[in-house]
Amino acid sequence: MMQPSETVEMQEMAQPAAPPPQSQQRDVEARFQTPSQEPRERGCTELFCIAMSYILIFLTFPVSVCMCIKIVQEYQRAVVFRLGRLIPEVKGPGIFFIIPCIDQFLNIDLRVVSYNVPSQEILSRDSVTVSVDAVVYFKVFDPITSVVGVENATESTKLLAQTTLRTILGTHTLSEILSDREKISADMKISLDEATEPWGIKVERVELRDVRLPSQMQRAMAAEAEATRDAGAKIIAAEGELRASAALAEAATVISQSEGAMQLRYLHTLNAISSEKTSTIIFPFPMEMLAGIKQSASNGQQNFPVQELPPRHPEEADYNLAERRKSYNFVKKSTKDKLETF
């Protein structure tokens, strides 16, 4: 008979295992991707090769020192492989020692590399073809991962930068590409940094250097901008005319309310004309005479009203029409006779 504890254990074994959390899954993947840092047990062949190398170094001591001593610059690190196996410790900067014949090392540059992305022909979201140039700045922050994790970390990052540039710009319109360069550069930096982090690469900065449009698109945008400026100029001119007309109407109202204002305006105009060195001939005309002429004209219209002609009778109008027709027929007949005689 089974005990209760055994039954519980059987049920637990029958239940499917719950999927591990996302963080644990990432840790497991990273553990399988990155090389193990734990010391490994050396085999007999490896120990024999190391012993023979030390004996060779001792026998050729004056000469072997030059082969054992290596120098790495301040901005470099050395990744050492002994008999094909990675040594977890990174060498440098400065002097370090290797065992000839069984040790190989690679110098990894830790300085920031600037990569000029070639011009990419990109189709934007609104179906406009543009040519975009960009610059990517990146560096190696983990020498061991950059050597073991990827074949060529620098070339892989360059190819990924070209692909990411085309992918991100393809999701934006032309106006967004021209106006939101900083946002596009930030999005591209985040995407590249996430993709190159497992390779030991850190993307420092991404900049869109140049955006070139087709010639037809440039002419269309220039025409649109010119039309916009012309429309704005016309609106400003119309507003100026409106304000000027309001000011002139107000000035006319003020002048009409004063008797001497018109005379003063007349004298001011004469002064302005006389100041210019032109051959203009001025005949002064007193404003009082003009006022007297206007007054006499108005009195004459009142004394001699215009008389309207009485309307014609319909019979008279019909008689005139008949006379005109007769004369027309006579002229037509005479002309025809002359042509026949000719």
C-alpha atoms as a PDB file:
ATOM      1  CA  MET A   1       0.000   0.000   0.000  1.00  0.00           C
ATOM      2  CA  MET A   2       1.313   3.413  -0.977  1.00  0.00           C
ATOM      3  CA  GLN A   3       1.937   5.985   1.685  1.00  0.00           C
ATOM      4  CA  PRO A   4       0.376   9.507   1.373  1.00  0.00           C
ATOM      5  CA  SER A   5       3.785  11.073   0.962  1.00  0.00           C
ATOM      6  CA  GLU A   6       4.557   8.770  -1.970  1.00  0.00           C
ATOM      7  CA  THR A   7       1.205   9.664  -3.578  1.00  0.00           C
ATOM      8  CA  VAL A   8       1.993  13.370  -3.346  1.00  0.00           C
ATOM      9  CA  GLU A   9       5.402  12.817  -4.866  1.00  0.00           C
ATOM     10  CA  MET A  10       3.874  10.818  -7.743  1.00  0.00           C
ATOM     11  CA  GLN A  11       1.362  13.608  -8.448  1.00  0.00           C
ATOM     12  CA  GLU A  12       4.099  16.230  -8.446  1.00  0.00           C
ATOM     13  CA  MET A  13       6.121  14.157 -10.895  1.00  0.00           C
ATOM     14  CA  ALA A  14       3.085  13.697 -13.170  1.00  0.00           C
ATOM     15  CA  GLN A  15       2.361  17.416 -13.346  1.00  0.00           C
ATOM     16  CA  PRO A  16       4.154  19.237 -16.214  1.00  0.00           C
ATOM     17  CA  ALA A  17       6.988  21.468 -15.164  1.00  0.00           C
ATOM     18  CA  ALA A  18       6.160  25.176 -15.172  1.00  0.00           C
ATOM     19  CA  PRO A  19       8.141  27.231 -17.655  1.00  0.00           C
ATOM     20  CA  PRO A  20      11.017  29.069 -16.009  1.00  0.00           C
ATOM     21  CA  PRO A  21      10.743  32.846 -15.611  1.00  0.00           C
ATOM     22  CA  GLN A  22      12.058  35.051 -18.369  1.00  0.00           C
ATOM     23  CA  SER A  23      15.030  36.213 -16.294  1.00  0.00           C
ATOM     24  CA  GLN A  24      16.069  32.642 -15.521  1.00  0.00           C
ATOM     25  CA  GLN A  25      15.708  31.694 -19.185  1.00  0.00           C
ATOM     26  CA  ARG A  26      17.978  34.577 -20.186  1.00  0.00           C
ATOM     27  CA  ASP A  27      20.539  33.479 -17.583  1.00  0.00           C
ATOM     28  CA  VAL A  28      20.492  29.933 -18.970  1.00  0.00           C
ATOM     29  CA  GLU A  29      20.913  31.175 -22.548  1.00  0.00           C
ATOM     30  CA  ALA A  30      23.765  33.448 -21.499  1.00  0.00           C
ATOM     31  CA  ARG A  31      25.384  30.573 -19.641  1.00  0.00           C
ATOM     32  CA  PHE A  32      25.343  28.424 -22.777  1.00  0.00           C
ATOM     33  CA  GLN A  33      26.446  31.265 -25.060  1.00  0.00           C
ATOM     34  CA  THR A  34      29.355  32.621 -23.046  1.00  0.00           C
ATOM     35  CA  PRO A  35      32.445  30.540 -22.446  1.00  0.00           C
ATOM     36  CA  SER A  36      32.848  28.970 -19.060  1.00  0.00           C
ATOM     37  CA  GLN A  37      35.073  30.863 -16.663  1.00  0.00           C
ATOM     38  CA  GLU A  38      35.613  27.887 -14.343  1.00  0.00           C
ATOM     39  CA  PRO A  39      39.043  26.193 -14.329  1.00  0.00           C
ATOM     40  CA  ARG A  40      39.120  22.990 -16.342  1.00  0.00           C
ATOM     41  CA  GLU A  41      41.008  19.847 -15.592  1.00  0.00           C
ATOM     42  CA  ARG A  42      44.067  19.521 -17.775  1.00  0.00           C
ATOM     43  CA  GLY A  43      44.703  16.300 -19.581  1.00  0.00           C
ATOM     44  CA  CYS A  44      47.954  14.387 -19.752  1.00  0.00           C
ATOM     45  CA  THR A  45      48.753  15.619 -23.241  1.00  0.00           C
ATOM     46  CA  GLU A  46      48.223  19.229 -22.224  1.00  0.00           C
ATOM     47  CA  LEU A  47      50.415  18.842 -19.140  1.00  0.00           C
ATOM     48  CA  PHE A  48      53.139  17.162 -21.226  1.00  0.00           C
ATOM     49  CA  CYS A  49      53.119  20.007 -23.771  1.00  0.00           C
ATOM     50  CA  ILE A  50      53.314  22.631 -21.040  1.00  0.00           C
ATOM     51  CA  ALA A  51      56.212  20.825 -19.357  1.00  0.00           C
ATOM     52  CA  MET A  52      58.127  20.506 -22.619  1.00  0.00           C
ATOM     53  CA  SER A  53      57.577  24.222 -23.302  1.00  0.00           C
ATOM     54  CA  TYR A  54      58.993  25.176 -19.916  1.00  0.00           C
ATOM     55  CA  ILE A  55      62.013  22.934 -20.509  1.00  0.00           C
ATOM     56  CA  LEU A  56      62.553  24.540 -23.911  1.00  0.00           C
ATOM     57  CA  ILE A  57      62.352  27.997 -22.356  1.00  0.00           C
ATOM     58  CA  PHE A  58      64.920  27.006 -19.717  1.00  0.00           C
ATOM     59  CA  LEU A  59      67.314  25.556 -22.269  1.00  0.00           C
ATOM     60  CA  THR A  60      67.149  28.589 -24.552  1.00  0.00           C
ATOM     61  CA  PHE A  61      66.878  31.111 -21.767  1.00  0.00           C
ATOM     62  CA  PRO A  62      68.650  34.127 -23.247  1.00  0.00           C
ATOM     63  CA  VAL A  63      66.734  33.873 -26.499  1.00  0.00           C
ATOM     64  CA  SER A  64      63.372  32.652 -25.196  1.00  0.00           C
ATOM     65  CA  VAL A  65      62.854  35.712 -23.017  1.00  0.00           C
ATOM     66  CA  CYS A  66      62.242  37.833 -26.108  1.00  0.00           C
ATOM     67  CA  MET A  67      59.599  35.367 -27.278  1.00  0.00           C
ATOM     68  CA  CYS A  68      57.875  35.140 -23.898  1.00  0.00           C
ATOM     69  CA  ILE A  69      57.530  38.848 -23.151  1.00  0.00           C
ATOM     70  CA  LYS A  70      54.724  40.716 -24.902  1.00  0.00           C
ATOM     71  CA  ILE A  71      53.568  44.322 -24.586  1.00  0.00           C
ATOM     72  CA  VAL A  72      50.008  45.598 -24.905  1.00  0.00           C
ATOM     73  CA  GLN A  73      49.116  49.281 -25.227  1.00  0.00           C
ATOM     74  CA  GLU A  74      46.885  51.135 -22.782  1.00  0.00           C
ATOM     75  CA  TYR A  75      43.929  51.033 -25.173  1.00  0.00           C
ATOM     76  CA  GLN A  76      44.349  47.308 -25.951  1.00  0.00           C
ATOM     77  CA  ARG A  77      43.665  44.023 -24.221  1.00  0.00           C
ATOM     78  CA  ALA A  78      45.064  40.568 -25.050  1.00  0.00           C
ATOM     79  CA  VAL A  79      42.885  37.461 -25.171  1.00  0.00           C
ATOM     80  CA  VAL A  80      45.127  34.379 -24.733  1.00  0.00           C
ATOM     81  CA  PHE A  81      44.407  30.855 -25.962  1.00  0.00           C
ATOM     82  CA  ARG A  82      46.523  27.997 -24.562  1.00  0.00           C
ATOM     83  CA  LEU A  83      46.422  24.873 -26.692  1.00  0.00           C
ATOM     84  CA  GLY A  84      43.159  26.170 -28.203  1.00  0.00           C
ATOM     85  CA  ARG A  85      41.497  26.772 -24.853  1.00  0.00           C
ATOM     86  CA  LEU A  86      40.580  30.222 -23.641  1.00  0.00           C
ATOM     87  CA  ILE A  87      42.347  31.622 -20.604  1.00  0.00           C
ATOM     88  CA  PRO A  88      39.648  33.497 -18.649  1.00  0.00           C
ATOM     89  CA  GLU A  89      41.985  36.274 -17.596  1.00  0.00           C
ATOM     90  CA  VAL A  90      42.454  39.175 -20.020  1.00  0.00           C
ATOM     91  CA  LYS A  91      46.041  40.375 -20.307  1.00  0.00           C
ATOM     92  CA  GLY A  92      47.126  43.995 -20.354  1.00  0.00           C
ATOM     93  CA  PRO A  93      47.782  46.780 -20.477  1.00  0.00           C
ATOM     94  CA  GLY A  94      51.560  46.628 -20.179  1.00  0.00           C
ATOM     95  CA  ILE A  95      53.879  43.592 -20.105  1.00  0.00           C
ATOM     96  CA  PHE A  96      52.630  40.012 -19.858  1.00  0.00           C
ATOM     97  CA  PHE A  97      54.193  36.598 -20.423  1.00  0.00           C
ATOM     98  CA  ILE A  98      53.152  33.769 -22.692  1.00  0.00           C
ATOM     99  CA  ILE A  99      54.464  30.276 -23.276  1.00  0.00           C
ATOM    100  CA  PRO A 100      55.900  29.975 -26.785  1.00  0.00           C
ATOM    101  CA  CYS A 101      54.565  27.347 -29.170  1.00  0.00           C
ATOM    102  CA  ILE A 102      51.391  26.654 -27.141  1.00  0.00           C
ATOM    103  CA  ASP A 103      49.993  30.155 -26.442  1.00  0.00           C
ATOM    104  CA  GLN A 104      48.272  32.372 -28.982  1.00  0.00           C
ATOM    105  CA  PHE A 105      46.842  35.798 -28.265  1.00  0.00           C
ATOM    106  CA  LEU A 106      44.705  38.418 -30.003  1.00  0.00           C
ATOM    107  CA  ASN A 107      44.955  42.144 -29.398  1.00  0.00           C
ATOM    108  CA  ILE A 108      41.534  43.779 -29.013  1.00  0.00           C
ATOM    109  CA  ASP A 109      41.263  47.534 -29.433  1.00  0.00           C
ATOM    110  CA  LEU A 110      38.988  49.178 -26.838  1.00  0.00           C
ATOM    111  CA  ARG A 111      38.861  52.616 -28.481  1.00  0.00           C
ATOM    112  CA  VAL A 112      35.692  54.012 -29.997  1.00  0.00           C
ATOM    113  CA  VAL A 113      35.375  53.168 -33.684  1.00  0.00           C
ATOM    114  CA  SER A 114      33.568  55.543 -36.036  1.00  0.00           C
ATOM    115  CA  TYR A 115      31.855  53.820 -38.940  1.00  0.00           C
ATOM    116  CA  ASN A 116      30.513  55.817 -41.876  1.00  0.00           C
ATOM    117  CA  VAL A 117      27.413  53.943 -43.038  1.00  0.00           C
ATOM    118  CA  PRO A 118      27.270  53.951 -46.857  1.00  0.00           C
ATOM    119  CA  SER A 119      24.444  55.811 -48.543  1.00  0.00           C
ATOM    120  CA  GLN A 120      21.257  53.748 -48.288  1.00  0.00           C
ATOM    121  CA  GLU A 121      18.336  54.042 -50.713  1.00  0.00           C
ATOM    122  CA  ILE A 122      15.310  53.871 -48.416  1.00  0.00           C
ATOM    123  CA  LEU A 123      11.583  53.831 -49.211  1.00  0.00           C
ATOM    124  CA  SER A 124       9.779  55.812 -46.522  1.00  0.00           C
ATOM    125  CA  ARG A 125       6.328  55.017 -45.177  1.00  0.00           C
ATOM    126  CA  ASP A 126       4.704  57.525 -47.540  1.00  0.00           C
ATOM    127  CA  SER A 127       6.413  55.886 -50.585  1.00  0.00           C
ATOM    128  CA  VAL A 128       9.179  58.454 -51.097  1.00  0.00           C
ATOM    129  CA  THR A 129      12.685  57.287 -52.024  1.00  0.00           C
ATOM    130  CA  VAL A 130      15.453  59.039 -50.081  1.00  0.00           C
ATOM    131  CA  SER A 131      19.203  58.510 -49.720  1.00  0.00           C
ATOM    132  CA  VAL A 132      20.428  58.599 -46.122  1.00  0.00           C
ATOM    133  CA  ASP A 133      23.986  58.674 -44.755  1.00  0.00           C
ATOM    134  CA  ALA A 134      24.685  57.913 -41.084  1.00  0.00           C
ATOM    135  CA  VAL A 135      27.616  57.610 -38.678  1.00  0.00           C
ATOM    136  CA  VAL A 136      27.808  54.967 -35.918  1.00  0.00           C
ATOM    137  CA  TYR A 137      30.221  55.156 -32.970  1.00  0.00           C
ATOM    138  CA  PHE A 138      30.848  51.909 -31.060  1.00  0.00           C
ATOM    139  CA  LYS A 139      33.513  50.201 -28.961  1.00  0.00           C
ATOM    140  CA  VAL A 140      34.370  46.815 -27.445  1.00  0.00           C
ATOM    141  CA  PHE A 141      33.580  46.566 -23.741  1.00  0.00           C
ATOM    142  CA  ASP A 142      34.081  42.779 -23.329  1.00  0.00           C
ATOM    143  CA  PRO A 143      37.142  41.492 -25.233  1.00  0.00           C
ATOM    144  CA  ILE A 144      36.515  37.821 -24.486  1.00  0.00           C
ATOM    145  CA  THR A 145      32.907  37.879 -25.689  1.00  0.00           C
ATOM    146  CA  SER A 146      33.834  39.852 -28.814  1.00  0.00           C
ATOM    147  CA  VAL A 147      36.362  37.153 -29.750  1.00  0.00           C
ATOM    148  CA  VAL A 148      34.510  33.998 -28.720  1.00  0.00           C
ATOM    149  CA  GLY A 149      30.881  35.064 -29.212  1.00  0.00           C
ATOM    150  CA  VAL A 150      31.072  36.261 -32.827  1.00  0.00           C
ATOM    151  CA  GLU A 151      33.464  35.666 -35.702  1.00  0.00           C
ATOM    152  CA  ASN A 152      34.167  39.330 -36.490  1.00  0.00           C
ATOM    153  CA  ALA A 153      32.461  41.694 -34.077  1.00  0.00           C
ATOM    154  CA  THR A 154      33.410  44.886 -35.919  1.00  0.00           C
ATOM    155  CA  GLU A 155      32.197  43.768 -39.358  1.00  0.00           C
ATOM    156  CA  SER A 156      29.049  42.262 -37.873  1.00  0.00           C
ATOM    157  CA  THR A 157      28.233  45.554 -36.169  1.00  0.00           C
ATOM    158  CA  LYS A 158      28.747  47.470 -39.416  1.00  0.00           C
ATOM    159  CA  LEU A 159      26.426  45.184 -41.369  1.00  0.00           C
ATOM    160  CA  LEU A 160      23.838  45.345 -38.608  1.00  0.00           C
ATOM    161  CA  ALA A 161      24.011  49.162 -38.631  1.00  0.00           C
ATOM    162  CA  GLN A 162      23.130  49.242 -42.340  1.00  0.00           C
ATOM    163  CA  THR A 163      20.190  46.876 -41.870  1.00  0.00           C
ATOM    164  CA  THR A 164      18.895  48.713 -38.798  1.00  0.00           C
ATOM    165  CA  LEU A 165      19.089  52.054 -40.601  1.00  0.00           C
ATOM    166  CA  ARG A 166      16.925  50.777 -43.455  1.00  0.00           C
ATOM    167  CA  THR A 167      14.454  49.092 -41.092  1.00  0.00           C
ATOM    168  CA  ILE A 168      13.890  52.074 -38.788  1.00  0.00           C
ATOM    169  CA  LEU A 169      13.700  54.738 -41.497  1.00  0.00           C
ATOM    170  CA  GLY A 170      11.222  52.605 -43.455  1.00  0.00           C
ATOM    171  CA  THR A 171       8.680  53.090 -40.649  1.00  0.00           C
ATOM    172  CA  HIS A 172       8.791  56.922 -40.798  1.00  0.00           C
ATOM    173  CA  THR A 173       7.409  59.418 -43.278  1.00  0.00           C
ATOM    174  CA  LEU A 174       9.518  61.936 -45.170  1.00  0.00           C
ATOM    175  CA  SER A 175       8.517  64.832 -42.925  1.00  0.00           C
ATOM    176  CA  GLU A 176       9.428  62.807 -39.823  1.00  0.00           C
ATOM    177  CA  ILE A 177      12.830  61.893 -41.280  1.00  0.00           C
ATOM    178  CA  LEU A 178      13.581  65.559 -41.990  1.00  0.00           C
ATOM    179  CA  SER A 179      12.297  66.945 -38.676  1.00  0.00           C
ATOM    180  CA  ASP A 180      12.795  64.163 -36.065  1.00  0.00           C
ATOM    181  CA  ARG A 181      16.424  63.211 -36.687  1.00  0.00           C
ATOM    182  CA  GLU A 182      17.297  63.118 -32.992  1.00  0.00           C
ATOM    183  CA  LYS A 183      14.439  60.734 -32.177  1.00  0.00           C
ATOM    184  CA  ILE A 184      15.326  58.450 -35.090  1.00  0.00           C
ATOM    185  CA  SER A 185      18.998  58.428 -34.021  1.00  0.00           C
ATOM    186  CA  ALA A 186      18.012  57.534 -30.442  1.00  0.00           C
ATOM    187  CA  ASP A 187      15.758  54.676 -31.610  1.00  0.00           C
ATOM    188  CA  MET A 188      18.502  53.351 -33.855  1.00  0.00           C
ATOM    189  CA  LYS A 189      21.050  53.510 -31.013  1.00  0.00           C
ATOM    190  CA  ILE A 190      18.770  51.545 -28.667  1.00  0.00           C
ATOM    191  CA  SER A 191      18.092  48.890 -31.299  1.00  0.00           C
ATOM    192  CA  LEU A 192      21.772  48.483 -32.180  1.00  0.00           C
ATOM    193  CA  ASP A 193      22.846  48.412 -28.538  1.00  0.00           C
ATOM    194  CA  GLU A 194      20.388  45.628 -27.700  1.00  0.00           C
ATOM    195  CA  ALA A 195      21.527  43.559 -30.682  1.00  0.00           C
ATOM    196  CA  THR A 196      25.307  43.987 -30.176  1.00  0.00           C
ATOM    197  CA  GLU A 197      25.433  43.593 -26.404  1.00  0.00           C
ATOM    198  CA  PRO A 198      25.799  39.766 -26.621  1.00  0.00           C
ATOM    199  CA  TRP A 199      28.786  40.372 -28.885  1.00  0.00           C
ATOM    200  CA  GLY A 200      30.600  42.535 -26.343  1.00  0.00           C
ATOM    201  CA  ILE A 201      29.969  45.722 -28.366  1.00  0.00           C
ATOM    202  CA  LYS A 202      28.657  48.968 -26.902  1.00  0.00           C
ATOM    203  CA  VAL A 203      27.079  51.485 -29.314  1.00  0.00           C
ATOM    204  CA  GLU A 204      27.940  54.975 -28.088  1.00  0.00           C
ATOM    205  CA  ARG A 205      26.177  57.208 -30.593  1.00  0.00           C
ATOM    206  CA  VAL A 206      24.279  57.205 -33.899  1.00  0.00           C
ATOM    207  CA  GLU A 207      23.846  60.280 -36.095  1.00  0.00           C
ATOM    208  CA  LEU A 208      22.039  60.839 -39.393  1.00  0.00           C
ATOM    209  CA  ARG A 209      24.583  62.785 -41.396  1.00  0.00           C
ATOM    210  CA  ASP A 210      22.697  63.619 -44.578  1.00  0.00           C
ATOM    211  CA  VAL A 211      19.263  63.068 -46.155  1.00  0.00           C
ATOM    212  CA  ARG A 212      19.184  63.537 -49.937  1.00  0.00           C
ATOM    213  CA  LEU A 213      15.924  63.851 -51.859  1.00  0.00           C
ATOM    214  CA  PRO A 214      15.326  63.221 -55.584  1.00  0.00           C
ATOM    215  CA  SER A 215      15.570  66.285 -57.813  1.00  0.00           C
ATOM    216  CA  GLN A 216      11.870  66.146 -58.709  1.00  0.00           C
ATOM    217  CA  MET A 217      10.917  66.080 -55.031  1.00  0.00           C
ATOM    218  CA  GLN A 218      13.224  69.022 -54.326  1.00  0.00           C
ATOM    219  CA  ARG A 219      11.585  71.070 -57.101  1.00  0.00           C
ATOM    220  CA  ALA A 220       8.106  70.161 -55.828  1.00  0.00           C
ATOM    221  CA  MET A 221       8.973  71.146 -52.266  1.00  0.00           C
ATOM    222  CA  ALA A 222      10.567  74.400 -53.464  1.00  0.00           C
ATOM    223  CA  ALA A 223       7.433  75.249 -55.478  1.00  0.00           C
ATOM    224  CA  GLU A 224       5.250  74.481 -52.478  1.00  0.00           C
ATOM    225  CA  ALA A 225       7.362  76.684 -50.207  1.00  0.00           C
ATOM    226  CA  GLU A 226       7.347  79.507 -52.760  1.00  0.00           C
ATOM    227  CA  ALA A 227       3.555  79.304 -53.100  1.00  0.00           C
ATOM    228  CA  THR A 228       3.224  79.408 -49.317  1.00  0.00           C
ATOM    229  CA  ARG A 229       5.441  82.492 -49.120  1.00  0.00           C
ATOM    230  CA  ASP A 230       3.518  84.216 -51.931  1.00  0.00           C
ATOM    231  CA  ALA A 231       0.216  83.517 -50.192  1.00  0.00           C
ATOM    232  CA  GLY A 232       1.584  84.945 -46.952  1.00  0.00           C
ATOM    233  CA  ALA A 233       2.862  88.059 -48.771  1.00  0.00           C
ATOM    234  CA  LYS A 234      -0.533  88.612 -50.383  1.00  0.00           C
ATOM    235  CA  ILE A 235      -2.277  88.264 -47.043  1.00  0.00           C
ATOM    236  CA  ILE A 236       0.105  90.770 -45.447  1.00  0.00           C
ATOM    237  CA  ALA A 237      -0.385  93.203 -48.364  1.00  0.00           C
ATOM    238  CA  ALA A 238      -4.174  92.881 -48.093  1.00  0.00           C
ATOM    239  CA  GLU A 239      -4.062  93.555 -44.373  1.00  0.00           C
ATOM    240  CA  GLY A 240      -1.898  96.619 -45.040  1.00  0.00           C
ATOM    241  CA  GLU A 241      -4.368  97.906 -47.643  1.00  0.00           C
ATOM    242  CA  LEU A 242      -7.223  97.387 -45.196  1.00  0.00           C
ATOM    243  CA  ARG A 243      -5.463  99.342 -42.474  1.00  0.00           C
ATOM    244  CA  ALA A 244      -4.452 102.069 -44.937  1.00  0.00           C
ATOM    245  CA  SER A 245      -8.017 102.453 -46.209  1.00  0.00           C
ATOM    246  CA  ALA A 246      -9.313 102.731 -42.651  1.00  0.00           C
ATOM    247  CA  ALA A 247      -6.695 105.389 -41.895  1.00  0.00           C
ATOM    248  CA  LEU A 248      -7.553 107.298 -45.103  1.00  0.00           C
ATOM    249  CA  ALA A 249     -11.264 107.182 -44.284  1.00  0.00           C
ATOM    250  CA  GLU A 250     -10.548 108.563 -40.828  1.00  0.00           C
ATOM    251  CA  ALA A 251      -8.330 111.285 -42.316  1.00  0.00           C
ATOM    252  CA  ALA A 252     -11.025 112.234 -44.838  1.00  0.00           C
ATOM    253  CA  THR A 253     -13.538 112.521 -42.009  1.00  0.00           C
ATOM    254  CA  VAL A 254     -11.226 114.826 -40.060  1.00  0.00           C
ATOM    255  CA  ILE A 255     -10.489 116.987 -43.147  1.00  0.00           C
ATOM    256  CA  SER A 256     -14.180 117.326 -43.997  1.00  0.00           C
ATOM    257  CA  GLN A 257     -14.925 118.633 -40.529  1.00  0.00           C
ATOM    258  CA  SER A 258     -12.410 121.513 -40.830  1.00  0.00           C
ATOM    259  CA  GLU A 259     -12.537 124.248 -43.496  1.00  0.00           C
ATOM    260  CA  GLY A 260      -8.828 125.050 -43.558  1.00  0.00           C
ATOM    261  CA  ALA A 261      -7.609 121.436 -43.455  1.00  0.00           C
ATOM    262  CA  MET A 262      -7.965 120.969 -47.226  1.00  0.00           C
ATOM    263  CA  GLN A 263      -6.033 124.171 -47.898  1.00  0.00           C
ATOM    264  CA  LEU A 264      -3.248 123.049 -45.574  1.00  0.00           C
ATOM    265  CA  ARG A 265      -3.112 119.668 -47.286  1.00  0.00           C
ATOM    266  CA  TYR A 266      -2.928 121.423 -50.662  1.00  0.00           C
ATOM    267  CA  LEU A 267      -0.020 123.576 -49.498  1.00  0.00           C
ATOM    268  CA  HIS A 268       1.764 120.549 -48.059  1.00  0.00           C
ATOM    269  CA  THR A 269       1.474 118.744 -51.405  1.00  0.00           C
ATOM    270  CA  LEU A 270       2.902 121.800 -53.228  1.00  0.00           C
ATOM    271  CA  ASN A 271       5.821 121.868 -50.806  1.00  0.00           C
ATOM    272  CA  ALA A 272       6.526 118.166 -51.373  1.00  0.00           C
ATOM    273  CA  ILE A 273       6.455 118.579 -55.156  1.00  0.00           C
ATOM    274  CA  SER A 274       8.672 121.672 -55.113  1.00  0.00           C
ATOM    275  CA  SER A 275      11.339 119.919 -53.011  1.00  0.00           C
ATOM    276  CA  GLU A 276      11.974 117.365 -55.793  1.00  0.00           C
ATOM    277  CA  LYS A 277      14.301 118.428 -58.594  1.00  0.00           C
ATOM    278  CA  THR A 278      11.938 117.729 -61.490  1.00  0.00           C
ATOM    279  CA  SER A 279      10.561 119.672 -64.430  1.00  0.00           C
ATOM    280  CA  THR A 280       7.034 119.701 -63.029  1.00  0.00           C
ATOM    281  CA  ILE A 281       4.999 122.854 -63.770  1.00  0.00           C
ATOM    282  CA  ILE A 282       2.586 123.842 -61.029  1.00  0.00           C
ATOM    283  CA  PHE A 283      -0.408 126.096 -61.569  1.00  0.00           C
ATOM    284  CA  PRO A 284      -1.845 127.173 -58.234  1.00  0.00           C
ATOM    285  CA  PHE A 285      -5.604 127.152 -58.192  1.00  0.00           C
ATOM    286  CA  PRO A 286      -7.428 128.845 -55.300  1.00  0.00           C
ATOM    287  CA  MET A 287      -9.760 126.548 -53.464  1.00  0.00           C
ATOM    288  CA  GLU A 288     -12.319 129.386 -53.074  1.00  0.00           C
ATOM    289  CA  MET A 289     -12.858 129.524 -56.850  1.00  0.00           C
ATOM    290  CA  LEU A 290     -13.471 125.792 -56.907  1.00  0.00           C
ATOM    291  CA  ALA A 291     -16.025 126.175 -54.153  1.00  0.00           C
ATOM    292  CA  GLY A 292     -17.747 129.036 -56.066  1.00  0.00           C
ATOM    293  CA  ILE A 293     -17.902 126.943 -59.246  1.00  0.00           C
ATOM    294  CA  LYS A 294     -19.456 124.079 -57.385  1.00  0.00           C
ATOM    295  CA  GLN A 295     -22.026 126.418 -55.797  1.00  0.00           C
ATOM    296  CA  SER A 296     -22.983 128.052 -59.143  1.00  0.00           C
ATOM    297  CA  ALA A 297     -23.358 124.638 -60.783  1.00  0.00           C
ATOM    298  CA  SER A 298     -25.707 123.517 -58.079  1.00  0.00           C
ATOM    299  CA  ASN A 299     -27.774 126.750 -58.389  1.00  0.00           C
ATOM    300  CA  GLY A 300     -28.007 126.350 -62.185  1.00  0.00           C
ATOM    301  CA  GLN A 301     -29.374 122.865 -61.845  1.00  0.00           C
ATOM    302  CA  GLN A 302     -32.019 124.138 -59.481  1.00  0.00           C
ATOM    303  CA  ASN A 303     -33.075 127.068 -61.835  1.00  0.00           C
ATOM    304  CA  PHE A 304     -33.113 125.032 -65.037  1.00  0.00           C
ATOM    305  CA  PRO A 305     -34.481 121.620 -64.370  1.00  0.00           C
ATOM    306  CA  VAL A 306     -33.989 118.996 -67.044  1.00  0.00           C
ATOM    307  CA  GLN A 307     -37.113 118.486 -69.190  1.00  0.00           C
ATOM    308  CA  GLU A 308     -37.945 114.975 -70.191  1.00  0.00           C
ATOM    309  CA  LEU A 309     -39.094 114.318 -73.780  1.00  0.00           C
ATOM    310  CA  PRO A 310     -42.602 112.938 -74.095  1.00  0.00           C
ATOM    311  CA  PRO A 311     -42.857 109.361 -75.224  1.00  0.00           C
ATOM    312  CA  ARG A 312     -43.494 108.703 -78.931  1.00  0.00           C
ATOM    313  CA  HIS A 313     -46.739 107.227 -80.195  1.00  0.00           C
ATOM    314  CA  PRO A 314     -46.728 103.644 -81.455  1.00  0.00           C
ATOM    315  CA  GLU A 315     -48.044 104.741 -84.906  1.00  0.00           C
ATOM    316  CA  GLU A 316     -45.087 107.077 -85.400  1.00  0.00           C
ATOM    317  CA  ALA A 317     -42.663 104.338 -84.501  1.00  0.00           C
ATOM    318  CA  ASP A 318     -44.245 101.934 -87.010  1.00  0.00           C
ATOM    319  CA  TYR A 319     -44.152 104.599 -89.759  1.00  0.00           C
ATOM    320  CA  ASN A 320     -40.418 105.169 -89.227  1.00  0.00           C
ATOM    321  CA  LEU A 321     -39.753 101.435 -89.373  1.00  0.00           C
ATOM    322  CA  ALA A 322     -41.644 101.144 -92.706  1.00  0.00           C
ATOM    323  CA  GLU A 323     -39.675 104.039 -94.196  1.00  0.00           C
ATOM    324  CA  ARG A 324     -36.378 102.431 -93.236  1.00  0.00           C
ATOM    325  CA  ARG A 325     -37.391  99.159 -94.808  1.00  0.00           C
ATOM    326  CA  LYS A 326     -38.362 100.873 -98.094  1.00  0.00           C
ATOM    327  CA  SER A 327     -35.035 102.680 -98.306  1.00  0.00           C
ATOM    328  CA  TYR A 328     -33.176  99.447 -97.608  1.00  0.00           C
ATOM    329  CA  ASN A 329     -35.047  97.562-100.349  1.00  0.00           C
ATOM    330  CA  PHE A 330     -34.399 100.405-102.848  1.00  0.00           C
ATOM    331  CA  VAL A 331     -30.686 100.382-102.148  1.00  0.00           C
ATOM    332  CA  LYS A 332     -30.550  96.616-102.421  1.00  0.00           C
ATOM    333  CA  LYS A 333     -32.386  96.614-105.777  1.00  0.00           C
ATOM    334  CA  SER A 334     -30.226  99.331-107.271  1.00  0.00           C
ATOM    335  CA  THR A 335     -27.078  97.529-106.236  1.00  0.00           C
ATOM    336  CA  LYS A 336     -28.309  94.336-107.822  1.00  0.00           C
ATOM    337  CA  ASP A 337     -29.095  96.114-111.118  1.00  0.00           C
ATOM    338  CA  LYS A 338     -25.629  97.625-111.230  1.00  0.00           C
ATOM    339  CA  LEU A 339     -24.034  94.249-110.710  1.00  0.00           C
ATOM    340  CA  GLU A 340     -26.071  92.707-113.514  1.00  0.00           C
ATOM    341  CA  THR A 341     -25.202  95.547-115.900  1.00  0.00           C
ATOM    342  CA  PHE A 342     -21.509  95.103-115.077  1.00  0.00           C
END
